[in-house]
Protein backbone atom coordinates (compact mmCIF):
# COMPACT_ATOMS: atom_id res chain seq x y z
CA MET A 1 95.35 181.46 99.84
CA THR A 2 93.38 178.29 99.22
CA LEU A 3 94.51 175.04 97.60
CA GLU A 4 91.74 175.82 94.47
CA GLU A 5 93.13 179.22 94.16
CA LEU A 6 96.65 178.12 94.02
CA HIS A 7 96.14 175.46 91.62
CA LYS A 8 93.98 178.04 89.60
CA GLU A 9 96.85 180.19 88.99
CA CYS A 10 99.31 177.08 88.55
CA LYS A 11 97.57 176.05 85.68
CA LYS A 12 98.34 179.63 84.06
CA CYS A 13 102.10 178.92 84.72
CA GLU A 14 104.49 179.56 82.00
CA ARG A 15 107.69 179.67 84.02
CA CYS A 16 109.21 176.91 82.12
CA ARG A 17 108.96 175.48 78.34
CA LEU A 18 107.41 172.23 79.73
CA ARG A 19 104.00 173.97 79.42
CA GLU A 20 104.74 174.12 75.45
CA TYR A 21 104.55 170.53 75.22
CA ALA A 22 101.90 169.33 77.81
CA THR A 23 97.90 168.91 77.00
CA GLN A 24 97.04 170.73 80.09
CA VAL A 25 98.72 171.43 83.78
CA VAL A 26 98.54 168.60 86.25
CA PRO A 27 98.54 170.59 90.01
CA GLY A 28 97.58 167.75 91.99
CA GLU A 29 94.57 166.20 93.63
CA GLY A 30 93.20 165.22 97.03
CA ASN A 31 92.24 166.24 100.78
CA SER A 32 93.59 170.05 101.23
CA LYS A 33 93.80 168.84 104.89
CA ALA A 34 95.61 165.59 104.22
CA GLU A 35 97.92 164.26 106.47
CA ILE A 36 99.80 162.44 104.17
CA VAL A 37 101.33 163.83 100.85
CA PHE A 38 102.68 161.56 97.83
CA ILE A 39 104.96 163.39 95.67
CA GLY A 40 105.73 162.00 92.47
CA GLU A 41 108.09 163.24 89.60
CA ALA A 42 105.88 164.38 86.50
CA PRO A 43 102.91 163.79 85.01
CA GLY A 44 102.94 161.00 82.36
CA GLU A 45 100.65 160.48 79.17
CA ASN A 46 97.54 159.27 80.87
CA GLU A 47 97.45 162.09 83.52
CA ASP A 48 98.44 164.71 81.01
CA LYS A 49 95.14 163.70 79.28
CA GLU A 50 93.07 163.47 82.10
CA GLY A 51 94.56 166.16 84.04
CA ARG A 52 94.64 164.10 87.15
CA PRO A 53 98.27 163.00 88.98
CA PHE A 54 98.62 159.24 89.02
CA CYS A 55 95.83 157.92 87.03
CA GLY A 56 97.63 155.40 84.82
CA ALA A 57 99.25 152.02 85.86
CA ALA A 58 101.02 153.92 88.47
CA GLY A 59 97.67 155.25 90.08
CA ARG A 60 96.32 151.52 90.13
CA LEU A 61 99.47 150.67 92.01
CA LEU A 62 98.92 153.60 94.61
CA ASP A 63 95.29 152.69 94.77
CA GLU A 64 96.29 149.22 95.64
CA LEU A 65 98.70 150.49 98.18
CA LEU A 66 96.27 153.22 99.76
CA SER A 67 93.65 150.05 99.81
CA SER A 68 96.08 147.74 101.43
CA ILE A 69 96.41 150.35 104.47
CA GLY A 70 92.51 151.16 104.47
CA MET A 71 92.91 154.44 103.22
CA LYS A 72 91.32 155.92 100.00
CA ARG A 73 92.34 158.84 97.44
CA ASP A 74 90.19 161.10 99.31
CA LYS A 75 92.35 161.39 102.50
CA VAL A 76 95.45 161.88 101.01
CA PHE A 77 97.13 164.44 98.53
CA ILE A 78 98.65 163.59 95.25
CA THR A 79 101.11 165.51 93.34
CA ASN A 80 104.31 165.62 91.49
CA MET A 81 107.43 167.85 90.98
CA VAL A 82 106.53 169.38 88.25
CA LYS A 83 103.28 169.99 87.08
CA CYS A 84 103.40 169.66 83.25
CA ARG A 85 104.25 166.20 81.36
CA PRO A 86 107.93 166.34 79.87
CA PRO A 87 108.02 165.39 76.17
CA LYS A 88 108.47 161.84 75.49
CA ASN A 89 107.91 161.15 79.32
CA ARG A 90 111.80 162.03 79.92
CA ASP A 91 112.87 162.80 83.39
CA PRO A 92 112.42 166.75 84.44
CA LEU A 93 115.34 168.75 83.77
CA GLU A 94 117.03 171.00 86.82
CA ASP A 95 115.80 174.18 85.51
CA GLU A 96 112.19 172.51 85.19
CA LEU A 97 112.41 171.12 88.39
CA LYS A 98 113.59 174.86 90.22
CA ALA A 99 110.81 176.41 87.72
CA CYS A 100 108.06 174.42 89.36
CA GLU A 101 109.13 174.81 92.81
CA ILE A 102 107.05 177.32 93.74
CA TRP A 103 104.07 175.24 93.29
CA LEU A 104 104.86 172.59 95.35
CA ASN A 105 106.40 174.74 98.22
CA LYS A 106 102.77 176.43 98.09
CA GLN A 107 100.95 173.34 98.55
CA LEU A 108 103.18 171.91 101.56
CA GLU A 109 102.11 175.67 103.04
CA ILE A 110 98.66 174.74 102.65
CA ILE A 111 98.35 171.31 103.29
CA LYS A 112 100.72 171.50 106.35
CA PRO A 113 101.15 167.57 105.71
CA LYS A 114 102.56 165.41 109.11
CA ILE A 115 103.77 162.98 106.32
CA ILE A 116 105.18 163.36 102.75
CA VAL A 117 106.04 159.80 101.03
CA THR A 118 108.21 160.67 97.94
CA LEU A 119 107.82 158.49 94.85
CA GLY A 120 110.76 158.61 92.93
CA ARG A 121 114.44 159.76 92.85
CA TYR A 122 113.59 163.62 92.00
CA SER A 123 110.98 163.90 94.90
CA MET A 124 113.27 161.99 97.25
CA ALA A 125 116.03 164.42 96.17
CA ARG A 126 113.97 167.53 97.18
CA PHE A 127 113.80 166.42 100.77
CA LEU A 128 117.37 164.22 101.11
CA PRO A 129 119.65 166.20 98.53
CA GLY A 130 122.93 164.07 97.95
CA THR A 131 121.34 160.85 98.74
CA LYS A 132 120.97 157.93 96.23
CA ILE A 133 117.57 156.41 96.40
CA SER A 134 119.14 152.86 96.68
CA GLU A 135 120.48 154.08 100.04
CA VAL A 136 117.04 154.98 101.55
CA HIS A 137 114.34 152.88 99.25
CA GLY A 138 111.80 151.90 101.94
CA LYS A 139 113.03 153.84 104.95
CA VAL A 140 111.28 156.26 107.35
CA PHE A 141 112.90 159.47 107.91
CA GLU A 142 111.89 161.94 110.39
CA ASN A 143 112.08 165.85 110.08
């Protein structure tokens, strides 16, 4: 399965109630052969409208970060833990994270990144369960 095929399937998803509130599903975007994958928590209002991850203020900050290390979005892949915007930008609930986990797992299987950058406590908890973000912020972990 290709990333494009996966994203077409993802856009049909109704595994949780988030789809009821979202304008559209935001699977992710970027290079399907990226060495680096950035994983946020959930699409916000701008992302929900545009159908792209990290396109508002957080996106500008991410673009600045990438630029500071000589990279552009087309060299990385950007996604979120959940693919639909939670109502009123609330945090994703545990059952929503579980329902969406299949899409993230398949994305990572297809892309096979060398580096995963977690952007937030929910994406960090996916890879470092039971750890507080304040204890690991800014640190590098190897698998």
